[in-house]
Amino acid sequence: MYTKLISAGLFGMNAYLVDVEIDLMRGMPSFDIVGLPDAAVKESRDRVRAAMKNCGYEVPVKKITVNLAPADLKKAGPMYVLPIFLALLAASGQTEADFSDSMFIGEVALDGTVRRVQGVLPMVIEAKEAGLKKVFVPAENGREGSAVQGIEVYPVHRVQDVVDFLENLRPLSPVEPTHFAPSSCVSDADMADVMGQEFAKRALEIAAAGGHNALLIGPPGSGKSMLAKRIPSILPDMTFEEAIETTKIHSIAGLLTEEEPLVTMRPFRAPHHTVSPAGLSGGAIPRPGEISLAHNGVLFLDELPEFSRPAMEILRQPIEEGTVTISRVSGTLSYPCNMMVIAAMNPCPCGYFGHPTRACNCSPSKVSQYLNKVSGPLLDRLDLHIEVAPVEFQHLSAGKKAESSSSIKKRVDRARKIQTKRYATTPILCNANLTPHMLREFCKVSEQGMKALKNAFEKMGMSARGYDRILKVGRTIADLDGSDMIELPHILEALQYRSLDRKYWQQSK
């Protein structure tokens, strides 16, 4: 006897429909799964056998063939156990449940309990786009799936819940739709905690307002990490579209919880410097790496020179294009990674090169070797180079409360609203994403500002990329001032944030 029902698979950011077909034939008893299954899928046959026995059903003593179509895409993970279980029940005549217009996703334990799986959100989205009416998911994934409007998502605790519901023996209520409410990270990490460092705070305000990448360089204890960890508190709230896209990535990575099924706060990822290139870009398909997990948020790289050279250089293409492409034997795919890259580093191995009061113990060759671990092309892609000076005693002892994150965020929000209106007819969201063609259209510079920019370009030996990034930063500073034109003060301030290479990298040679 033949039976078919619908499940789903994952490939990168997207899901695709999988037809779970079962055929029972006379012959030597066997249980074969075809359709490019991985080891976890092949093991489903043993789980199904045990679960059917423990739930009071009979395992057919026949030649069982399970086909997962399309056959040219690799099937991975344990989410096919539930659909195989149900399809086998129907094929063996042990249920007359109607499986049409429904999708089934879930791992089944040996006692019939349905366990959570990864990637439920993109699967539910695919089910809706395919015109299906119902999706049955593990109870722990129910709230995650309910973020999709216009489709009924049923939480399943046990296999019997599905069978009884579809046979009209027991009611099963769909999950109430999850209502999106953006949240800001202002409670535990506030800019008011940082004493002094007004220059660095101003620079990070500009970075947040325009979505720019930044490098913080300064001695140990100056507050680089403290500042970086508070950047999410001044970023604009996530839109619903950003939340869904970010949640899809975290769903695929298995990072969602039942308590927080929807990512409503901008991610802050801070991988250790021992992370591998694959850990940053993404490992085995379909798992995303740290770069993608920071999508619509912040990727913080503390102690930048301690990262391996391959790990640092892998950032170049994602920073430029906003996507990371992973090529493996099993396939090639891309993940979005529209993120702010915030890097922090000491100026030398001991940390005191260029310090106003403390002597550096490093030889010039060691300083040069340490700084040159950060390549010129990567440094060029970091829009703002921010010097974080040692905190003076008067700032620590003054007892005066610094400006709060909420106050800074209001200015950032105003600047982002200007950008949203300006780029309403384009696919970009902020100044950092401007293309070279858009620069000529949206970055109008005053005559005095252009003279200063030309002079700086010639004296600083600036690259074309550096020129573009100064224009983008200048555009953001002008937005913070509410100015349509990029004036001379905006250009001069933007140039301040591209001068540290002369102080450190060139001076160390």
Protein backbone atom coordinates (compact mmCIF):
# COMPACT_ATOMS: atom_id res chain seq x y z
CA MET A 1 0.00 0.00 0.00
CA TYR A 2 1.17 3.52 -0.85
CA THR A 3 0.89 6.71 1.27
CA LYS A 4 2.27 10.22 0.89
CA LEU A 5 2.39 13.22 3.21
CA ILE A 6 4.34 16.47 3.30
CA SER A 7 7.31 17.50 5.40
CA ALA A 8 10.14 19.97 4.76
CA GLY A 9 13.90 20.23 4.48
CA LEU A 10 16.44 23.02 4.85
CA PHE A 11 18.99 24.38 2.45
CA GLY A 12 20.65 27.51 3.70
CA MET A 13 18.18 30.20 4.71
CA ASN A 14 15.26 28.59 2.92
CA ALA A 15 13.10 25.52 3.34
CA TYR A 16 11.69 23.29 0.64
CA LEU A 17 8.82 20.81 0.58
CA VAL A 18 9.66 17.14 0.99
CA ASP A 19 7.23 14.44 -0.06
CA VAL A 20 7.45 11.54 2.38
CA GLU A 21 6.32 8.52 0.37
CA ILE A 22 5.91 5.03 1.81
CA ASP A 23 5.22 1.81 -0.04
CA LEU A 24 4.56 -1.59 1.57
CA MET A 25 5.25 -4.71 -0.48
CA ARG A 26 5.30 -8.42 0.11
CA GLY A 27 8.73 -9.95 0.45
CA MET A 28 11.61 -10.24 2.86
CA PRO A 29 10.94 -7.80 5.77
CA SER A 30 13.11 -4.69 5.45
CA PHE A 31 13.02 -0.94 6.07
CA ASP A 32 14.83 1.19 3.52
CA ILE A 33 14.97 5.00 3.31
CA VAL A 34 16.02 6.53 -0.03
CA GLY A 35 16.27 10.10 -1.31
CA LEU A 36 19.77 11.17 -0.17
CA PRO A 37 19.25 10.72 3.60
CA ASP A 38 22.06 11.46 6.02
CA ALA A 39 22.92 9.25 8.99
CA ALA A 40 20.32 10.89 11.26
CA VAL A 41 17.58 10.24 8.70
CA LYS A 42 18.65 6.64 8.15
CA GLU A 43 18.44 6.04 11.89
CA SER A 44 14.78 7.09 11.75
CA ARG A 45 13.74 3.57 10.82
CA ASP A 46 14.90 2.20 14.18
CA ARG A 47 13.24 5.07 16.04
CA VAL A 48 9.99 4.53 14.14
CA ARG A 49 9.95 0.82 14.87
CA ALA A 50 10.49 1.29 18.61
CA ALA A 51 8.06 4.22 18.88
CA MET A 52 5.28 2.33 17.06
CA LYS A 53 5.68 -0.67 19.37
CA ASN A 54 5.74 1.48 22.51
CA CYS A 55 2.67 3.46 21.38
CA GLY A 56 0.62 0.30 20.88
CA TYR A 57 0.83 0.05 17.09
CA GLU A 58 2.02 -2.88 14.96
CA VAL A 59 5.16 -2.64 12.87
CA PRO A 60 4.30 -4.03 9.40
CA VAL A 61 6.20 -7.22 8.65
CA LYS A 62 6.75 -6.27 5.02
CA LYS A 63 9.26 -4.72 2.69
CA ILE A 64 9.03 -1.03 3.65
CA THR A 65 10.40 1.59 1.28
CA VAL A 66 10.48 5.26 2.29
CA ASN A 67 11.24 7.82 -0.41
CA LEU A 68 12.08 11.44 0.44
CA ALA A 69 11.51 13.55 -2.64
CA PRO A 70 13.06 15.50 -4.30
CA ALA A 71 15.82 12.91 -4.45
CA ASP A 72 18.55 15.34 -5.59
CA LEU A 73 18.63 17.33 -2.32
CA LYS A 74 20.32 15.91 0.76
CA LYS A 75 17.97 15.31 3.72
CA ALA A 76 19.50 16.01 7.10
CA GLY A 77 18.33 15.99 10.69
CA PRO A 78 15.75 14.13 12.76
CA MET A 79 12.66 16.10 11.64
CA TYR A 80 11.46 13.30 9.34
CA VAL A 81 10.72 10.77 12.11
CA LEU A 82 7.21 12.14 12.75
CA PRO A 83 6.09 12.18 9.09
CA ILE A 84 7.58 8.70 8.48
CA PHE A 85 5.77 7.38 11.58
CA LEU A 86 2.42 8.82 10.45
CA ALA A 87 2.85 7.74 6.84
CA LEU A 88 3.63 4.19 7.96
CA LEU A 89 0.51 4.12 10.12
CA ALA A 90 -1.60 5.16 7.14
CA ALA A 91 0.10 2.77 4.72
CA SER A 92 -0.46 -0.16 7.09
CA GLY A 93 -4.13 0.71 7.57
CA GLN A 94 -3.79 1.61 11.28
CA THR A 95 -5.24 5.10 10.80
CA GLU A 96 -7.63 6.76 8.38
CA ALA A 97 -6.50 10.27 9.27
CA ASP A 98 -6.56 12.90 6.52
CA PHE A 99 -3.02 14.23 6.00
CA SER A 100 -3.85 16.53 3.10
CA ASP A 101 -3.16 20.30 3.33
CA SER A 102 -0.83 19.66 6.28
CA MET A 103 2.90 19.61 6.97
CA PHE A 104 4.49 17.44 9.65
CA ILE A 105 7.81 18.19 11.34
CA GLY A 106 9.35 16.62 14.42
CA GLU A 107 11.67 14.12 16.04
CA VAL A 108 9.96 11.24 17.85
CA ALA A 109 11.43 9.64 20.96
CA LEU A 110 11.13 5.91 21.55
CA ASP A 111 8.11 6.45 23.81
CA GLY A 112 6.23 8.53 21.23
CA THR A 113 7.17 11.96 22.64
CA VAL A 114 7.75 14.59 19.95
CA ARG A 115 10.98 16.53 20.44
CA ARG A 116 12.01 19.97 19.16
CA VAL A 117 13.97 20.38 15.93
CA GLN A 118 15.86 23.18 14.22
CA GLY A 119 14.65 25.42 11.43
CA VAL A 120 10.91 25.35 12.13
CA LEU A 121 10.33 29.01 11.22
CA PRO A 122 11.55 28.82 7.58
CA MET A 123 9.64 25.53 7.21
CA VAL A 124 6.38 27.11 8.35
CA ILE A 125 6.99 30.05 5.99
CA GLU A 126 7.46 27.59 3.12
CA ALA A 127 4.27 25.74 4.11
CA LYS A 128 2.28 28.97 3.98
CA GLU A 129 3.75 29.94 0.60
CA ALA A 130 2.85 26.47 -0.72
CA GLY A 131 -0.80 26.98 0.25
CA LEU A 132 -0.92 24.46 3.10
CA LYS A 133 -3.46 25.07 5.88
CA LYS A 134 -1.91 23.34 8.91
CA VAL A 135 1.55 22.61 10.26
CA PHE A 136 2.18 20.13 13.06
CA VAL A 137 5.38 20.89 14.98
CA PRO A 138 6.91 19.85 18.32
CA ALA A 139 5.29 21.67 21.24
CA GLU A 140 8.62 23.35 22.07
CA ASN A 141 8.71 24.86 18.56
CA GLY A 142 5.08 25.98 18.62
CA ARG A 143 5.61 29.65 19.50
CA GLU A 144 8.45 29.89 16.99
CA GLY A 145 6.19 28.72 14.19
CA SER A 146 3.32 30.96 15.29
CA ALA A 147 5.31 34.03 14.21
CA VAL A 148 4.02 33.30 10.69
CA GLN A 149 0.56 34.78 10.15
CA GLY A 150 -2.11 33.13 8.03
CA ILE A 151 -1.45 29.45 8.82
CA GLU A 152 -2.44 27.23 11.75
CA VAL A 153 0.48 25.87 13.76
CA TYR A 154 -0.38 22.95 16.04
CA PRO A 155 1.92 22.06 18.97
CA VAL A 156 2.40 18.32 19.37
CA HIS A 157 3.53 16.65 22.61
CA ARG A 158 3.03 13.04 21.50
CA VAL A 159 2.41 11.26 18.20
CA GLN A 160 -0.99 10.17 19.44
CA ASP A 161 -2.06 13.85 19.67
CA VAL A 162 -1.81 14.19 15.89
CA VAL A 163 -3.57 10.91 15.13
CA ASP A 164 -6.45 11.56 17.54
CA PHE A 165 -6.92 15.11 16.26
CA LEU A 166 -6.99 14.15 12.58
CA GLU A 167 -9.41 11.30 13.35
CA ASN A 168 -11.66 13.76 15.26
CA LEU A 169 -11.16 11.87 18.52
CA ARG A 170 -9.48 14.63 20.52
CA PRO A 171 -9.30 18.44 20.12
CA LEU A 172 -5.99 20.16 19.49
CA SER A 173 -5.77 23.93 19.52
CA PRO A 174 -3.34 25.89 17.32
CA VAL A 175 -0.81 28.18 18.95
CA GLU A 176 -1.89 31.76 19.41
CA PRO A 177 -0.05 34.01 16.94
CA THR A 178 3.11 35.60 18.32
CA HIS A 179 2.84 39.39 18.31
CA PHE A 180 6.01 41.24 17.40
CA ALA A 181 7.26 43.80 19.90
CA PRO A 182 10.80 45.15 19.36
CA SER A 183 12.97 45.42 22.45
CA SER A 184 16.02 47.51 23.17
CA CYS A 185 19.07 46.44 25.11
CA VAL A 186 19.24 49.28 27.64
CA SER A 187 18.80 47.68 31.02
CA ASP A 188 22.04 45.96 31.88
CA ALA A 189 24.44 47.69 29.51
CA ASP A 190 24.09 51.46 29.34
CA MET A 191 26.47 54.09 27.97
CA ALA A 192 25.96 55.96 31.24
CA ASP A 193 28.21 53.34 32.86
CA VAL A 194 31.19 54.55 30.81
CA MET A 195 32.99 57.47 32.44
CA GLY A 196 34.72 59.92 30.11
CA GLN A 197 35.55 58.68 26.59
CA GLU A 198 33.39 61.35 24.96
CA PHE A 199 35.33 61.13 21.69
CA ALA A 200 34.80 57.38 21.47
CA LYS A 201 31.11 57.69 22.38
CA ARG A 202 30.59 60.28 19.68
CA ALA A 203 32.28 58.02 17.13
CA LEU A 204 30.14 55.04 18.14
CA GLU A 205 27.02 57.21 17.91
CA ILE A 206 27.98 57.96 14.31
CA ALA A 207 28.66 54.26 13.69
CA ALA A 208 25.23 53.31 15.05
CA ALA A 209 23.46 56.06 13.13
CA GLY A 210 24.89 54.96 9.78
CA GLY A 211 25.53 51.24 10.37
CA HIS A 212 29.29 51.74 10.00
CA ASN A 213 32.07 49.35 10.98
CA ALA A 214 34.58 50.59 13.53
CA LEU A 215 37.95 49.79 15.06
CA LEU A 216 38.66 50.68 18.70
CA ILE A 217 42.34 50.93 19.53
CA GLY A 218 43.79 51.82 22.90
CA PRO A 219 45.68 50.53 25.95
CA PRO A 220 44.36 47.84 28.31
CA GLY A 221 41.65 49.04 30.68
CA SER A 222 40.64 52.05 28.60
CA GLY A 223 37.10 50.70 28.13
CA LYS A 224 37.13 49.31 24.58
CA SER A 225 35.18 46.16 25.38
CA MET A 226 32.86 48.06 27.70
CA LEU A 227 31.99 50.51 24.94
CA ALA A 228 31.51 47.80 22.33
CA LYS A 229 29.13 45.76 24.50
CA ARG A 230 26.91 48.83 24.86
CA ILE A 231 26.52 49.51 21.16
CA PRO A 232 23.27 47.44 20.88
CA SER A 233 21.72 49.80 23.44
CA ILE A 234 21.95 52.74 21.01
CA LEU A 235 20.96 50.92 17.83
CA PRO A 236 17.47 51.44 16.33
CA ASP A 237 14.77 48.92 17.21
CA MET A 238 14.38 46.01 14.82
CA THR A 239 11.63 46.07 12.23
CA PHE A 240 9.35 43.05 11.85
CA GLU A 241 11.07 42.08 8.60
CA GLU A 242 14.51 42.24 10.27
CA ALA A 243 13.24 40.19 13.21
CA ILE A 244 11.85 37.44 10.95
CA GLU A 245 15.03 37.23 8.88
CA THR A 246 17.23 37.16 11.97
CA THR A 247 14.99 34.59 13.65
CA LYS A 248 15.23 32.33 10.58
CA ILE A 249 19.02 32.24 10.93
CA HIS A 250 18.87 31.55 14.66
CA SER A 251 16.20 28.91 14.09
CA ILE A 252 18.42 27.08 11.61
CA ALA A 253 21.29 27.28 14.10
CA GLY A 254 19.07 25.87 16.87
CA LEU A 255 19.54 28.89 19.14
CA LEU A 256 15.90 29.74 19.78
CA THR A 257 14.20 28.86 23.06
CA GLU A 258 10.57 28.26 23.95
CA GLU A 259 10.66 31.40 26.11
CA GLU A 260 12.14 33.55 23.31
CA PRO A 261 10.82 32.15 20.03
CA LEU A 262 11.35 35.38 18.10
CA VAL A 263 14.53 37.48 17.99
CA THR A 264 13.38 40.99 18.88
CA MET A 265 16.72 42.39 20.08
CA ARG A 266 19.62 43.06 17.75
CA PRO A 267 22.16 40.25 18.07
CA PHE A 268 25.53 40.83 19.67
CA ARG A 269 28.02 38.11 18.79
CA ALA A 270 31.49 38.11 20.33
CA PRO A 271 33.40 34.99 19.20
CA HIS A 272 36.68 34.15 20.95
CA HIS A 273 39.84 34.87 19.00
CA THR A 274 40.49 31.13 18.69
CA VAL A 275 37.47 30.76 16.40
CA SER A 276 38.20 29.03 13.10
CA PRO A 277 37.40 30.50 9.67
CA ALA A 278 34.58 27.95 9.35
CA GLY A 279 33.25 29.02 12.74
CA LEU A 280 32.98 32.58 11.43
CA SER A 281 31.65 31.93 7.94
CA GLY A 282 29.64 28.77 8.57
CA GLY A 283 30.45 25.11 8.78
CA ALA A 284 28.66 22.12 7.42
CA ILE A 285 25.57 22.96 5.43
CA PRO A 286 23.12 24.25 6.53
CA ARG A 287 24.58 25.67 9.76
CA PRO A 288 25.39 29.41 9.73
CA GLY A 289 28.49 30.85 11.38
CA GLU A 290 29.09 33.82 13.66
CA ILE A 291 29.02 36.28 10.76
CA SER A 292 25.46 35.31 9.84
CA LEU A 293 24.32 35.00 13.46
CA ALA A 294 25.25 38.69 13.82
CA HIS A 295 22.93 39.63 10.93
CA ASN A 296 21.10 42.91 11.69
CA GLY A 297 23.24 43.28 14.80
CA VAL A 298 26.85 43.57 15.93
CA LEU A 299 29.84 41.28 15.42
CA PHE A 300 32.42 42.17 18.07
CA LEU A 301 36.00 41.01 17.54
CA ASP A 302 37.97 41.66 20.71
CA GLU A 303 41.76 41.47 20.54
CA LEU A 304 41.64 41.58 16.75
CA PRO A 305 45.34 40.77 16.07
CA GLU A 306 44.98 37.53 18.05
CA PHE A 307 42.57 36.14 15.47
CA SER A 308 44.18 33.93 12.86
CA ARG A 309 44.97 35.60 9.55
CA PRO A 310 42.56 33.34 7.58
CA ALA A 311 39.78 34.14 10.08
CA MET A 312 40.32 37.89 9.70
CA GLU A 313 40.59 37.82 5.92
CA ILE A 314 37.37 35.85 5.59
CA LEU A 315 35.56 38.99 6.80
CA ARG A 316 36.52 41.04 3.76
CA GLN A 317 33.91 39.77 1.30
CA PRO A 318 30.99 39.63 3.80
CA ILE A 319 31.70 43.19 4.98
CA GLU A 320 31.67 44.44 1.41
CA GLU A 321 28.68 42.49 0.06
CA GLY A 322 26.50 41.84 3.13
CA THR A 323 26.36 38.12 2.36
CA VAL A 324 28.62 35.18 3.11
CA THR A 325 28.92 32.37 0.58
CA ILE A 326 29.77 28.88 1.80
CA SER A 327 31.04 26.34 -0.69
CA ARG A 328 31.25 22.74 0.39
CA VAL A 329 31.24 19.40 -1.41
CA SER A 330 27.54 19.05 -0.64
CA GLY A 331 26.64 22.40 -2.17
CA THR A 332 27.02 26.16 -2.25
CA LEU A 333 24.75 28.60 -0.47
CA SER A 334 24.67 32.15 0.85
CA TYR A 335 23.58 33.61 4.18
CA PRO A 336 22.84 37.30 4.77
CA CYS A 337 25.22 39.12 7.10
CA ASN A 338 24.24 42.77 7.13
CA MET A 339 26.04 43.56 10.37
CA MET A 340 28.17 46.15 12.12
CA VAL A 341 31.71 44.89 12.65
CA ILE A 342 33.25 46.37 15.79
CA ALA A 343 36.86 45.38 16.40
CA ALA A 344 39.05 46.22 19.39
CA MET A 345 42.80 45.92 19.84
CA ASN A 346 45.80 47.09 21.77
CA PRO A 347 48.40 49.11 19.88
CA CYS A 348 51.19 46.62 20.69
CA PRO A 349 51.76 43.31 22.55
CA CYS A 350 52.20 45.05 25.93
CA GLY A 351 49.45 47.52 25.10
CA TYR A 352 51.22 50.80 25.83
CA PHE A 353 52.63 51.90 22.50
CA GLY A 354 51.85 55.62 22.18
CA HIS A 355 50.63 55.84 25.82
CA PRO A 356 51.00 59.36 27.25
CA THR A 357 52.41 58.27 30.63
CA ARG A 358 53.48 54.63 30.50
CA ALA A 359 56.48 53.37 28.57
CA CYS A 360 56.12 50.66 25.97
CA ASN A 361 58.31 47.59 26.55
CA CYS A 362 58.03 46.31 22.99
CA SER A 363 60.73 46.69 20.38
CA PRO A 364 59.81 48.54 17.16
CA SER A 365 59.90 45.27 15.23
CA LYS A 366 57.49 43.60 17.65
CA VAL A 367 55.13 46.58 17.49
CA SER A 368 55.24 46.54 13.70
CA GLN A 369 54.75 42.77 13.59
CA TYR A 370 51.77 43.00 15.96
CA LEU A 371 50.02 45.82 14.10
CA ASN A 372 50.63 44.24 10.70
CA LYS A 373 48.62 41.21 11.74
CA VAL A 374 45.69 43.40 10.71
CA SER A 375 45.97 43.67 6.93
CA GLY A 376 45.56 46.92 5.06
CA PRO A 377 42.50 45.73 3.07
CA LEU A 378 40.68 44.76 6.28
CA LEU A 379 41.64 48.01 7.98
CA ASP A 380 40.36 49.89 4.93
CA ARG A 381 36.94 48.25 5.34
CA LEU A 382 36.53 49.55 8.89
CA ASP A 383 34.92 52.97 8.40
CA LEU A 384 35.88 54.56 11.71
CA HIS A 385 39.23 54.20 13.45
CA ILE A 386 38.65 55.29 17.03
CA GLU A 387 41.39 55.93 19.56
CA VAL A 388 40.26 55.08 23.07
CA ALA A 389 42.55 57.03 25.37
CA PRO A 390 43.27 56.08 29.00
CA VAL A 391 40.56 57.29 31.36
CA GLU A 392 41.64 60.22 33.47
CA PHE A 393 41.18 60.18 37.24
CA GLN A 394 38.98 63.26 37.20
CA HIS A 395 36.38 61.44 35.10
CA LEU A 396 36.33 58.44 37.42
CA SER A 397 36.10 60.49 40.60
CA ALA A 398 33.75 63.23 39.45
CA GLY A 399 30.61 61.27 40.31
CA LYS A 400 28.79 62.95 37.43
CA LYS A 401 26.51 60.62 35.53
CA ALA A 402 27.30 60.27 31.84
CA GLU A 403 24.76 60.51 29.04
CA SER A 404 22.47 57.50 28.92
CA SER A 405 21.98 55.11 26.02
CA SER A 406 18.35 56.15 25.66
CA SER A 407 19.38 59.76 25.08
CA ILE A 408 21.95 58.80 22.44
CA LYS A 409 19.48 56.40 20.84
CA LYS A 410 17.00 59.21 20.23
CA ARG A 411 19.54 61.00 18.04
CA VAL A 412 20.42 57.75 16.28
CA ASP A 413 16.72 57.06 15.62
CA ARG A 414 16.26 60.53 14.11
CA ALA A 415 19.21 60.00 11.78
CA ARG A 416 17.94 56.54 10.74
CA LYS A 417 14.48 57.95 9.99
CA ILE A 418 16.09 60.46 7.63
CA GLN A 419 17.92 57.61 5.89
CA THR A 420 14.80 55.45 5.69
CA LYS A 421 12.94 58.28 3.96
CA ARG A 422 15.87 59.06 1.66
CA TYR A 423 16.34 55.45 0.53
CA ALA A 424 12.65 54.50 0.45
CA THR A 425 12.82 53.57 -3.25
CA THR A 426 16.06 51.58 -2.88
CA PRO A 427 16.85 48.24 -1.22
CA ILE A 428 19.30 49.76 1.29
CA LEU A 429 18.52 50.79 4.85
CA CYS A 430 21.43 52.95 6.01
CA ASN A 431 24.37 55.00 4.78
CA ALA A 432 26.91 52.21 5.23
CA ASN A 433 25.19 50.22 2.46
CA LEU A 434 25.47 52.95 -0.18
CA THR A 435 26.85 51.78 -3.51
CA PRO A 436 29.39 53.88 -5.46
CA HIS A 437 26.62 54.92 -7.86
CA MET A 438 24.38 56.03 -4.97
CA LEU A 439 27.21 58.05 -3.44
CA ARG A 440 27.11 60.47 -6.35
CA GLU A 441 23.36 60.86 -5.98
CA PHE A 442 22.93 61.09 -2.21
CA CYS A 443 26.26 62.45 -0.93
CA LYS A 444 26.35 66.06 -2.11
CA VAL A 445 29.38 67.82 -0.64
CA SER A 446 29.79 71.59 -0.31
CA GLU A 447 32.59 73.33 -2.20
CA GLN A 448 34.66 73.85 0.96
CA GLY A 449 34.08 70.28 2.05
CA MET A 450 35.21 68.95 -1.33
CA LYS A 451 38.41 71.02 -1.16
CA ALA A 452 39.22 69.57 2.27
CA LEU A 453 38.46 66.07 1.01
CA LYS A 454 40.71 66.53 -2.04
CA ASN A 455 43.56 67.80 0.12
CA ALA A 456 43.21 64.88 2.54
CA PHE A 457 43.03 62.36 -0.32
CA GLU A 458 46.35 63.57 -1.71
CA LYS A 459 48.20 63.92 1.59
CA MET A 460 46.95 60.73 3.26
CA GLY A 461 47.40 58.49 0.21
CA MET A 462 43.80 57.43 0.54
CA SER A 463 42.38 54.54 -1.51
CA ALA A 464 39.19 54.81 -3.54
CA ARG A 465 37.47 52.66 -0.93
CA GLY A 466 38.71 54.99 1.83
CA TYR A 467 37.34 57.97 -0.11
CA ASP A 468 33.93 56.32 -0.41
CA ARG A 469 33.81 55.46 3.27
CA ILE A 470 34.66 59.02 4.32
CA LEU A 471 31.75 60.21 2.19
CA LYS A 472 29.44 57.68 3.86
CA VAL A 473 30.56 58.71 7.35
CA GLY A 474 30.23 62.38 6.38
CA ARG A 475 26.70 61.66 5.15
CA THR A 476 25.84 60.14 8.55
CA ILE A 477 27.30 63.08 10.47
CA ALA A 478 25.26 65.43 8.30
CA ASP A 479 22.14 63.37 9.05
CA LEU A 480 22.81 63.66 12.78
CA ASP A 481 22.97 67.43 12.26
CA GLY A 482 19.82 67.38 10.12
CA SER A 483 21.69 68.77 7.11
CA ASP A 484 20.91 67.81 3.50
CA MET A 485 24.36 68.94 2.35
CA ILE A 486 27.62 67.46 3.63
CA GLU A 487 29.41 70.55 4.89
CA LEU A 488 33.05 71.23 5.78
CA PRO A 489 32.68 70.36 9.52
CA HIS A 490 31.14 67.01 8.58
CA ILE A 491 34.04 66.16 6.27
CA LEU A 492 36.64 67.26 8.83
CA GLU A 493 35.07 65.13 11.55
CA ALA A 494 34.88 62.13 9.21
CA LEU A 495 38.58 62.56 8.39
CA GLN A 496 39.41 62.37 12.10
CA TYR A 497 38.29 58.77 12.10
CA ARG A 498 40.66 57.73 9.27
CA SER A 499 43.95 59.00 10.69
CA LEU A 500 45.05 56.33 13.18
CA ASP A 501 46.94 54.37 10.55
CA ARG A 502 49.41 57.27 10.40
CA LYS A 503 49.82 57.33 14.17
CA TYR A 504 50.22 53.62 14.71
CA TRP A 505 50.85 51.62 11.54
CA GLN A 506 53.16 54.12 9.83
CA GLN A 507 54.88 55.26 13.03
CA SER A 508 55.70 51.67 13.99
CA LYS A 509 57.65 51.07 10.79
